[in-house]
Amino acid sequence: MTFDAAAHPSYARASTAPALTAASVITVIAAATLAGAWFFQLVLEILPCQLCLEQRYAYYLMVPLGALVAFAAAKGAARPILLTGLVLLGLAALGNAVLGAYHAGVEWQFFQGPTDCTGPIGNLGSAGNLLSRLDTVKVIRCDEVQWRFLGLSLAGYNVLISLLMATIAAWGIVRTTRRG
């Protein structure tokens, strides 16, 4: 007598449940973090520096990838596909944690920041009003904290959020592997 996913669809759902849970939670956390970043930028007018913008790239990857892995898990996709997706989510989160830690280190003056942390210049108009237009450009420096809460900057919170997502991905990987 065999007991496999083809003979018992409920077994297939149970074997993919950790991947579904992990990918769904990562997707929600990443989307909420992006929404928070955009809220800080558009509503509170705390403009991002270049490193802040680069830290968003991982979230822009994790939202659709997490949704895709969750969808695949809900449809009973093969374990190697789910594990690959979870590994990619975990690596993106870990990479982002490293970038966030670097940015926090720049803010605390532990590291030298990149030289290109400047605000957008855009259209400066004619040469006659160039100097007056340059006076209105707000330079967003990577080494100056614009907002802190409980001693942490947004880069510091990005490290914590990214490590949380990496931990959730690792949990999903371990639990999905064990269900075999």
N, C-alpha and C. Protein backbone atom coordinates (compact mmCIF):
# COMPACT_ATOMS: atom_id res chain seq x y z
N MET A 1 0.85 -1.16 0.00
CA MET A 1 0.00 0.00 0.00
C MET A 1 0.90 1.23 0.00
N THR A 2 0.62 2.17 -0.89
CA THR A 2 1.42 3.37 -0.98
C THR A 2 0.64 4.56 -0.43
N PHE A 3 1.41 5.51 0.09
CA PHE A 3 0.81 6.73 0.61
C PHE A 3 1.60 7.88 0.02
N ASP A 4 1.09 8.45 -1.05
CA ASP A 4 1.81 9.55 -1.68
C ASP A 4 0.83 10.66 -2.05
N ALA A 5 1.39 11.76 -2.56
CA ALA A 5 0.59 12.93 -2.85
C ALA A 5 -0.42 12.67 -3.96
N ALA A 6 -0.08 11.79 -4.91
CA ALA A 6 -1.01 11.52 -6.01
C ALA A 6 -2.23 10.74 -5.50
N ALA A 7 -2.01 9.82 -4.59
CA ALA A 7 -3.11 9.01 -4.07
C ALA A 7 -3.94 9.78 -3.06
N HIS A 8 -3.34 10.73 -2.37
CA HIS A 8 -4.03 11.47 -1.33
C HIS A 8 -3.73 12.97 -1.47
N PRO A 9 -4.63 13.72 -2.13
CA PRO A 9 -4.39 15.16 -2.32
C PRO A 9 -4.20 15.92 -1.01
N SER A 10 -4.83 15.48 0.07
CA SER A 10 -4.66 16.19 1.34
C SER A 10 -3.23 16.07 1.84
N TYR A 11 -2.55 14.96 1.52
CA TYR A 11 -1.15 14.80 1.88
C TYR A 11 -0.28 15.81 1.12
N ALA A 12 -0.62 16.05 -0.15
CA ALA A 12 0.13 17.02 -0.95
C ALA A 12 0.00 18.41 -0.33
N ARG A 13 -1.20 18.78 0.11
CA ARG A 13 -1.39 20.08 0.74
C ARG A 13 -0.61 20.16 2.05
N ALA A 14 -0.63 19.10 2.83
CA ALA A 14 0.08 19.10 4.11
C ALA A 14 1.58 19.21 3.91
N SER A 15 2.10 18.58 2.86
CA SER A 15 3.54 18.61 2.63
C SER A 15 4.01 19.97 2.13
N THR A 16 3.11 20.76 1.57
CA THR A 16 3.49 22.09 1.08
C THR A 16 3.04 23.21 2.03
N ALA A 17 2.37 22.86 3.11
CA ALA A 17 1.85 23.88 4.03
C ALA A 17 2.94 24.79 4.61
N PRO A 18 4.09 24.26 5.05
CA PRO A 18 5.13 25.18 5.56
C PRO A 18 5.62 26.17 4.50
N ALA A 19 5.77 25.71 3.28
CA ALA A 19 6.22 26.60 2.20
C ALA A 19 5.15 27.67 1.94
N LEU A 20 3.91 27.27 1.95
CA LEU A 20 2.81 28.21 1.75
C LEU A 20 2.80 29.26 2.86
N THR A 21 2.92 28.79 4.09
CA THR A 21 2.91 29.70 5.24
C THR A 21 4.10 30.66 5.18
N ALA A 22 5.30 30.12 4.99
CA ALA A 22 6.50 30.95 4.98
C ALA A 22 6.46 31.97 3.84
N ALA A 23 6.12 31.53 2.65
CA ALA A 23 6.10 32.44 1.50
C ALA A 23 5.02 33.51 1.68
N SER A 24 3.87 33.13 2.21
CA SER A 24 2.79 34.10 2.42
C SER A 24 3.19 35.15 3.45
N VAL A 25 3.78 34.71 4.55
CA VAL A 25 4.18 35.65 5.60
C VAL A 25 5.27 36.58 5.09
N ILE A 26 6.23 36.05 4.36
CA ILE A 26 7.30 36.88 3.81
C ILE A 26 6.72 37.91 2.84
N THR A 27 5.78 37.48 2.01
CA THR A 27 5.15 38.40 1.06
C THR A 27 4.44 39.55 1.79
N VAL A 28 3.70 39.21 2.83
CA VAL A 28 2.96 40.24 3.58
C VAL A 28 3.94 41.19 4.28
N ILE A 29 4.98 40.65 4.89
CA ILE A 29 5.96 41.51 5.59
C ILE A 29 6.67 42.42 4.59
N ALA A 30 7.08 41.87 3.45
CA ALA A 30 7.78 42.67 2.45
C ALA A 30 6.86 43.76 1.89
N ALA A 31 5.61 43.42 1.61
CA ALA A 31 4.67 44.42 1.08
C ALA A 31 4.41 45.51 2.13
N ALA A 32 4.24 45.12 3.38
CA ALA A 32 4.00 46.10 4.45
C ALA A 32 5.22 47.00 4.64
N THR A 33 6.42 46.44 4.52
CA THR A 33 7.64 47.23 4.66
C THR A 33 7.75 48.24 3.52
N LEU A 34 7.45 47.81 2.30
CA LEU A 34 7.46 48.76 1.18
C LEU A 34 6.41 49.85 1.37
N ALA A 35 5.23 49.46 1.82
CA ALA A 35 4.18 50.45 2.07
C ALA A 35 4.65 51.45 3.13
N GLY A 36 5.32 50.97 4.16
CA GLY A 36 5.85 51.85 5.18
C GLY A 36 6.91 52.79 4.62
N ALA A 37 7.78 52.27 3.77
CA ALA A 37 8.82 53.11 3.17
C ALA A 37 8.19 54.21 2.32
N TRP A 38 7.20 53.84 1.53
CA TRP A 38 6.53 54.84 0.70
C TRP A 38 5.75 55.83 1.56
N PHE A 39 5.18 55.38 2.68
CA PHE A 39 4.49 56.28 3.60
C PHE A 39 5.47 57.31 4.17
N PHE A 40 6.63 56.85 4.62
CA PHE A 40 7.64 57.76 5.14
C PHE A 40 8.05 58.77 4.07
N GLN A 41 8.19 58.29 2.84
CA GLN A 41 8.64 59.17 1.76
C GLN A 41 7.55 60.13 1.31
N LEU A 42 6.36 59.65 1.04
CA LEU A 42 5.34 60.48 0.42
C LEU A 42 4.49 61.27 1.41
N VAL A 43 4.24 60.71 2.58
CA VAL A 43 3.38 61.38 3.55
C VAL A 43 4.20 62.19 4.57
N LEU A 44 5.20 61.55 5.14
CA LEU A 44 6.01 62.23 6.15
C LEU A 44 7.16 63.04 5.55
N GLU A 45 7.36 62.89 4.23
CA GLU A 45 8.40 63.60 3.49
C GLU A 45 9.81 63.35 4.03
N ILE A 46 10.04 62.14 4.48
CA ILE A 46 11.39 61.70 4.85
C ILE A 46 11.95 61.03 3.61
N LEU A 47 12.73 61.77 2.86
CA LEU A 47 13.20 61.31 1.57
C LEU A 47 14.32 60.29 1.71
N PRO A 48 14.32 59.27 0.86
CA PRO A 48 15.35 58.22 0.94
C PRO A 48 16.65 58.65 0.29
N CYS A 49 17.74 58.17 0.85
CA CYS A 49 19.03 58.36 0.22
C CYS A 49 19.25 57.22 -0.78
N GLN A 50 20.38 57.22 -1.44
CA GLN A 50 20.66 56.19 -2.43
C GLN A 50 20.69 54.80 -1.81
N LEU A 51 21.29 54.64 -0.64
CA LEU A 51 21.33 53.33 0.02
C LEU A 51 19.92 52.88 0.43
N CYS A 52 19.09 53.82 0.85
CA CYS A 52 17.71 53.47 1.20
C CYS A 52 16.98 52.90 -0.02
N LEU A 53 17.16 53.55 -1.15
CA LEU A 53 16.51 53.09 -2.38
C LEU A 53 17.02 51.71 -2.78
N GLU A 54 18.32 51.47 -2.62
CA GLU A 54 18.89 50.17 -2.97
C GLU A 54 18.36 49.07 -2.06
N GLN A 55 18.06 49.39 -0.81
CA GLN A 55 17.52 48.39 0.10
C GLN A 55 16.10 47.97 -0.29
N ARG A 56 15.42 48.80 -1.03
CA ARG A 56 14.07 48.45 -1.48
C ARG A 56 14.07 47.38 -2.56
N TYR A 57 15.16 47.25 -3.31
CA TYR A 57 15.21 46.29 -4.41
C TYR A 57 14.87 44.88 -3.95
N ALA A 58 15.39 44.48 -2.80
CA ALA A 58 15.10 43.13 -2.30
C ALA A 58 13.61 42.95 -2.04
N TYR A 59 12.98 43.99 -1.53
CA TYR A 59 11.54 43.91 -1.27
C TYR A 59 10.76 43.84 -2.58
N TYR A 60 11.22 44.59 -3.58
CA TYR A 60 10.57 44.54 -4.89
C TYR A 60 10.69 43.15 -5.51
N LEU A 61 11.72 42.42 -5.16
CA LEU A 61 11.87 41.03 -5.59
C LEU A 61 11.03 40.09 -4.74
N MET A 62 11.06 40.29 -3.42
CA MET A 62 10.42 39.34 -2.51
C MET A 62 8.89 39.35 -2.59
N VAL A 63 8.28 40.48 -2.89
CA VAL A 63 6.81 40.51 -2.96
C VAL A 63 6.30 39.59 -4.07
N PRO A 64 6.72 39.78 -5.32
CA PRO A 64 6.19 38.88 -6.36
C PRO A 64 6.71 37.45 -6.23
N LEU A 65 7.98 37.28 -5.84
CA LEU A 65 8.52 35.93 -5.70
C LEU A 65 7.82 35.19 -4.56
N GLY A 66 7.60 35.86 -3.45
CA GLY A 66 6.90 35.23 -2.34
C GLY A 66 5.48 34.85 -2.72
N ALA A 67 4.80 35.73 -3.46
CA ALA A 67 3.45 35.43 -3.92
C ALA A 67 3.46 34.24 -4.88
N LEU A 68 4.45 34.18 -5.74
CA LEU A 68 4.57 33.06 -6.68
C LEU A 68 4.83 31.74 -5.96
N VAL A 69 5.72 31.75 -4.98
CA VAL A 69 6.01 30.54 -4.20
C VAL A 69 4.77 30.12 -3.41
N ALA A 70 4.07 31.08 -2.82
CA ALA A 70 2.85 30.76 -2.07
C ALA A 70 1.79 30.15 -3.00
N PHE A 71 1.65 30.72 -4.18
CA PHE A 71 0.70 30.19 -5.16
C PHE A 71 1.08 28.78 -5.57
N ALA A 72 2.37 28.58 -5.84
CA ALA A 72 2.85 27.25 -6.24
C ALA A 72 2.61 26.24 -5.11
N ALA A 73 2.85 26.65 -3.88
CA ALA A 73 2.62 25.75 -2.75
C ALA A 73 1.14 25.43 -2.60
N ALA A 74 0.29 26.41 -2.80
CA ALA A 74 -1.15 26.18 -2.70
C ALA A 74 -1.64 25.22 -3.77
N LYS A 75 -0.96 25.20 -4.90
CA LYS A 75 -1.34 24.30 -6.01
C LYS A 75 -0.62 22.96 -5.93
N GLY A 76 0.16 22.74 -4.85
CA GLY A 76 0.83 21.45 -4.66
C GLY A 76 2.05 21.25 -5.53
N ALA A 77 2.81 22.30 -5.79
CA ALA A 77 4.02 22.20 -6.62
C ALA A 77 5.03 21.25 -5.99
N ALA A 78 5.94 20.79 -6.81
CA ALA A 78 6.97 19.86 -6.35
C ALA A 78 7.86 20.51 -5.30
N ARG A 79 8.30 19.71 -4.35
CA ARG A 79 9.12 20.20 -3.25
C ARG A 79 10.38 20.93 -3.73
N PRO A 80 11.13 20.44 -4.73
CA PRO A 80 12.33 21.18 -5.16
C PRO A 80 12.03 22.60 -5.65
N ILE A 81 10.89 22.78 -6.28
CA ILE A 81 10.51 24.12 -6.75
C ILE A 81 10.25 25.03 -5.55
N LEU A 82 9.52 24.51 -4.57
CA LEU A 82 9.21 25.31 -3.38
C LEU A 82 10.48 25.63 -2.60
N LEU A 83 11.35 24.64 -2.47
CA LEU A 83 12.60 24.87 -1.74
C LEU A 83 13.47 25.90 -2.44
N THR A 84 13.52 25.84 -3.77
CA THR A 84 14.30 26.82 -4.53
C THR A 84 13.75 28.22 -4.29
N GLY A 85 12.44 28.36 -4.34
CA GLY A 85 11.83 29.67 -4.09
C GLY A 85 12.12 30.18 -2.70
N LEU A 86 12.01 29.30 -1.70
CA LEU A 86 12.29 29.71 -0.33
C LEU A 86 13.76 30.08 -0.13
N VAL A 87 14.65 29.34 -0.77
CA VAL A 87 16.08 29.67 -0.69
C VAL A 87 16.33 31.04 -1.30
N LEU A 88 15.72 31.32 -2.45
CA LEU A 88 15.90 32.64 -3.07
C LEU A 88 15.35 33.75 -2.18
N LEU A 89 14.21 33.50 -1.56
CA LEU A 89 13.65 34.50 -0.63
C LEU A 89 14.59 34.72 0.55
N GLY A 90 15.12 33.64 1.10
CA GLY A 90 16.04 33.74 2.23
C GLY A 90 17.32 34.47 1.85
N LEU A 91 17.87 34.18 0.67
CA LEU A 91 19.09 34.85 0.23
C LEU A 91 18.86 36.34 -0.01
N ALA A 92 17.72 36.67 -0.60
CA ALA A 92 17.40 38.08 -0.82
C ALA A 92 17.29 38.81 0.51
N ALA A 93 16.65 38.18 1.48
CA ALA A 93 16.49 38.80 2.80
C ALA A 93 17.85 38.95 3.49
N LEU A 94 18.68 37.91 3.43
CA LEU A 94 20.01 38.00 4.05
C LEU A 94 20.88 39.06 3.39
N GLY A 95 20.85 39.11 2.07
CA GLY A 95 21.61 40.12 1.35
C GLY A 95 21.16 41.52 1.73
N ASN A 96 19.85 41.68 1.89
CA ASN A 96 19.32 42.98 2.27
C ASN A 96 19.68 43.33 3.71
N ALA A 97 19.75 42.33 4.57
CA ALA A 97 20.18 42.57 5.95
C ALA A 97 21.62 43.07 5.97
N VAL A 98 22.46 42.50 5.13
CA VAL A 98 23.86 42.94 5.05
C VAL A 98 23.93 44.38 4.55
N LEU A 99 23.16 44.70 3.50
CA LEU A 99 23.14 46.07 2.98
C LEU A 99 22.61 47.05 4.03
N GLY A 100 21.57 46.64 4.75
CA GLY A 100 21.03 47.49 5.81
C GLY A 100 22.03 47.70 6.94
N ALA A 101 22.77 46.64 7.29
CA ALA A 101 23.79 46.77 8.33
C ALA A 101 24.91 47.71 7.88
N TYR A 102 25.28 47.61 6.61
CA TYR A 102 26.29 48.53 6.07
C TYR A 102 25.77 49.97 6.16
N HIS A 103 24.52 50.18 5.76
CA HIS A 103 23.95 51.52 5.80
C HIS A 103 23.89 52.06 7.23
N ALA A 104 23.46 51.21 8.16
CA ALA A 104 23.44 51.62 9.57
C ALA A 104 24.85 51.95 10.05
N GLY A 105 25.84 51.17 9.60
CA GLY A 105 27.23 51.45 9.95
C GLY A 105 27.71 52.77 9.39
N VAL A 106 27.24 53.12 8.20
CA VAL A 106 27.58 54.42 7.61
C VAL A 106 26.95 55.53 8.45
N GLU A 107 25.71 55.31 8.88
CA GLU A 107 25.04 56.31 9.71
C GLU A 107 25.75 56.51 11.06
N TRP A 108 26.28 55.45 11.61
CA TRP A 108 26.99 55.53 12.89
C TRP A 108 28.46 55.89 12.70
N GLN A 109 28.86 56.17 11.46
CA GLN A 109 30.23 56.57 11.12
C GLN A 109 31.24 55.44 11.31
N PHE A 110 30.77 54.19 11.27
CA PHE A 110 31.68 53.04 11.34
C PHE A 110 32.35 52.80 9.99
N PHE A 111 31.64 53.12 8.91
CA PHE A 111 32.13 52.89 7.55
C PHE A 111 32.05 54.20 6.77
N GLN A 112 32.87 54.27 5.74
CA GLN A 112 32.79 55.37 4.79
C GLN A 112 31.64 55.07 3.84
N GLY A 113 30.74 55.98 3.66
CA GLY A 113 29.60 55.78 2.76
C GLY A 113 29.96 56.03 1.32
N PRO A 114 29.07 55.65 0.43
CA PRO A 114 29.30 55.90 -1.00
C PRO A 114 29.30 57.40 -1.29
N THR A 115 30.03 57.80 -2.29
CA THR A 115 30.14 59.23 -2.61
C THR A 115 28.94 59.73 -3.41
N ASP A 116 28.10 58.84 -3.89
CA ASP A 116 26.99 59.27 -4.73
C ASP A 116 25.67 59.43 -3.98
N CYS A 117 25.71 59.60 -2.68
CA CYS A 117 24.48 59.82 -1.91
C CYS A 117 24.04 61.27 -2.05
N THR A 118 23.37 61.55 -3.15
CA THR A 118 22.88 62.90 -3.41
C THR A 118 21.43 62.85 -3.81
N GLY A 119 20.77 63.97 -3.68
CA GLY A 119 19.37 64.08 -4.07
C GLY A 119 19.25 64.24 -5.57
N PRO A 120 18.05 64.06 -6.09
CA PRO A 120 17.85 64.20 -7.53
C PRO A 120 17.98 65.67 -7.95
N ILE A 121 18.58 65.87 -9.09
CA ILE A 121 18.74 67.24 -9.58
C ILE A 121 17.64 67.58 -10.57
N GLY A 122 17.31 66.67 -11.45
CA GLY A 122 16.21 66.90 -12.39
C GLY A 122 16.53 68.00 -13.38
N ASN A 123 15.50 68.68 -13.88
CA ASN A 123 15.64 69.73 -14.87
C ASN A 123 16.05 71.03 -14.17
N LEU A 124 17.21 71.54 -14.51
CA LEU A 124 17.70 72.76 -13.88
C LEU A 124 17.34 74.01 -14.67
N GLY A 125 16.72 73.84 -15.81
CA GLY A 125 16.31 75.00 -16.60
C GLY A 125 17.49 75.65 -17.30
N SER A 126 17.35 76.96 -17.55
CA SER A 126 18.38 77.69 -18.28
C SER A 126 19.58 77.98 -17.37
N ALA A 127 20.66 78.36 -18.01
CA ALA A 127 21.88 78.67 -17.26
C ALA A 127 21.67 79.88 -16.36
N GLY A 128 20.77 80.78 -16.71
CA GLY A 128 20.53 81.99 -15.94
C GLY A 128 19.98 81.71 -14.55
N ASN A 129 19.14 80.69 -14.44
CA ASN A 129 18.57 80.40 -13.12
C ASN A 129 19.14 79.12 -12.51
N LEU A 130 20.27 78.70 -13.02
CA LEU A 130 20.90 77.47 -12.54
C LEU A 130 21.24 77.57 -11.05
N LEU A 131 21.85 78.67 -10.63
CA LEU A 131 22.23 78.80 -9.24
C LEU A 131 21.02 78.84 -8.32
N SER A 132 19.97 79.52 -8.72
CA SER A 132 18.79 79.56 -7.87
C SER A 132 18.11 78.19 -7.80
N ARG A 133 18.15 77.43 -8.87
CA ARG A 133 17.57 76.08 -8.87
C ARG A 133 18.40 75.14 -8.00
N LEU A 134 19.71 75.28 -8.02
CA LEU A 134 20.58 74.42 -7.21
C LEU A 134 20.33 74.66 -5.72
N ASP A 135 19.93 75.87 -5.35
CA ASP A 135 19.63 76.17 -3.95
C ASP A 135 18.41 75.40 -3.45
N THR A 136 17.54 74.98 -4.35
CA THR A 136 16.31 74.28 -3.95
C THR A 136 16.50 72.77 -3.90
N VAL A 137 17.63 72.26 -4.40
CA VAL A 137 17.88 70.82 -4.40
C VAL A 137 18.22 70.36 -2.99
N LYS A 138 17.48 69.38 -2.50
CA LYS A 138 17.76 68.86 -1.17
C LYS A 138 18.61 67.60 -1.31
N VAL A 139 19.81 67.66 -0.77
CA VAL A 139 20.72 66.52 -0.84
C VAL A 139 20.41 65.60 0.33
N ILE A 140 20.15 64.34 0.01
CA ILE A 140 19.86 63.33 1.03
C ILE A 140 21.13 62.53 1.23
N ARG A 141 21.74 62.71 2.38
CA ARG A 141 23.01 62.05 2.66
C ARG A 141 22.77 60.69 3.31
N CYS A 142 23.58 59.73 2.93
CA CYS A 142 23.48 58.38 3.48
C CYS A 142 24.01 58.29 4.91
N ASP A 143 24.83 59.23 5.29
CA ASP A 143 25.46 59.16 6.61
C ASP A 143 24.75 60.01 7.66
N GLU A 144 23.61 60.59 7.31
CA GLU A 144 22.83 61.38 8.26
C GLU A 144 21.47 60.73 8.47
N VAL A 145 21.15 60.43 9.70
CA VAL A 145 19.88 59.78 10.03
C VAL A 145 18.79 60.84 10.03
N GLN A 146 17.71 60.57 9.31
CA GLN A 146 16.60 61.51 9.27
C GLN A 146 15.53 61.18 10.30
N TRP A 147 15.50 59.94 10.79
CA TRP A 147 14.45 59.52 11.71
C TRP A 147 14.97 58.34 12.53
N ARG A 148 14.73 58.39 13.82
CA ARG A 148 15.08 57.29 14.71
C ARG A 148 13.90 57.00 15.63
N PHE A 149 13.77 55.73 16.00
CA PHE A 149 12.80 55.31 16.99
C PHE A 149 13.46 54.25 17.84
N LEU A 150 13.46 54.44 19.13
CA LEU A 150 14.13 53.55 20.08
C LEU A 150 15.61 53.35 19.74
N GLY A 151 16.23 54.41 19.23
CA GLY A 151 17.65 54.38 18.93
C GLY A 151 18.02 53.79 17.58
N LEU A 152 17.04 53.27 16.84
CA LEU A 152 17.34 52.67 15.54
C LEU A 152 16.82 53.55 14.42
N SER A 153 17.59 53.61 13.35
CA SER A 153 17.16 54.32 12.15
C SER A 153 16.35 53.35 11.29
N LEU A 154 15.86 53.85 10.19
CA LEU A 154 15.12 52.98 9.26
C LEU A 154 16.03 51.88 8.71
N ALA A 155 17.30 52.19 8.52
CA ALA A 155 18.24 51.15 8.06
C ALA A 155 18.38 50.05 9.11
N GLY A 156 18.40 50.43 10.37
CA GLY A 156 18.46 49.44 11.45
C GLY A 156 17.22 48.57 11.49
N TYR A 157 16.06 49.19 11.30
CA TYR A 157 14.83 48.40 11.26
C TYR A 157 14.79 47.49 10.04
N ASN A 158 15.37 47.96 8.94
CA ASN A 158 15.45 47.11 7.76
C ASN A 158 16.27 45.85 8.05
N VAL A 159 17.34 45.98 8.82
CA VAL A 159 18.15 44.81 9.19
C VAL A 159 17.28 43.82 9.96
N LEU A 160 16.56 44.31 10.96
CA LEU A 160 15.72 43.42 11.78
C LEU A 160 14.62 42.75 10.96
N ILE A 161 13.97 43.52 10.10
CA ILE A 161 12.90 42.97 9.26
C ILE A 161 13.46 41.94 8.29
N SER A 162 14.59 42.24 7.69
CA SER A 162 15.21 41.31 6.74
C SER A 162 15.64 40.02 7.43
N LEU A 163 16.21 40.14 8.63
CA LEU A 163 16.60 38.93 9.37
C LEU A 163 15.38 38.11 9.77
N LEU A 164 14.29 38.78 10.11
CA LEU A 164 13.05 38.06 10.41
C LEU A 164 12.57 37.28 9.18
N MET A 165 12.58 37.92 8.02
CA MET A 165 12.15 37.22 6.80
C MET A 165 13.09 36.07 6.45
N ALA A 166 14.39 36.25 6.65
CA ALA A 166 15.35 35.16 6.39
C ALA A 166 15.08 34.00 7.34
N THR A 167 14.75 34.29 8.58
CA THR A 167 14.43 33.25 9.56
C THR A 167 13.16 32.50 9.16
N ILE A 168 12.17 33.23 8.70
CA ILE A 168 10.93 32.60 8.25
C ILE A 168 11.20 31.71 7.04
N ALA A 169 12.03 32.19 6.12
CA ALA A 169 12.38 31.37 4.95
C ALA A 169 13.12 30.10 5.39
N ALA A 170 14.04 30.24 6.34
CA ALA A 170 14.76 29.06 6.85
C ALA A 170 13.80 28.08 7.52
N TRP A 171 12.86 28.60 8.29
CA TRP A 171 11.85 27.74 8.91
C TRP A 171 11.07 26.99 7.83
N GLY A 172 10.67 27.70 6.78
CA GLY A 172 9.94 27.07 5.69
C GLY A 172 10.75 25.99 4.99
N ILE A 173 12.03 26.26 4.81
CA ILE A 173 12.92 25.28 4.16
C ILE A 173 13.03 24.03 5.01
N VAL A 174 13.31 24.21 6.30
CA VAL A 174 13.47 23.05 7.20
C VAL A 174 12.19 22.25 7.28
N ARG A 175 11.08 22.91 7.46
CA ARG A 175 9.80 22.20 7.61
C ARG A 175 9.36 21.53 6.31
N THR A 176 9.62 22.17 5.19
CA THR A 176 9.26 21.56 3.91
C THR A 176 10.14 20.36 3.63
N THR A 177 11.41 20.43 3.98
CA THR A 177 12.32 19.31 3.78
C THR A 177 11.92 18.13 4.67
N ARG A 178 11.55 18.39 5.89
CA ARG A 178 11.17 17.32 6.83
C ARG A 178 9.88 16.62 6.47
N ARG A 179 9.04 17.29 5.71
CA ARG A 179 7.73 16.69 5.37
C ARG A 179 7.85 15.59 4.33
N GLY A 180 9.06 15.36 3.84
CA GLY A 180 9.25 14.38 2.79
C GLY A 180 9.26 13.00 3.30
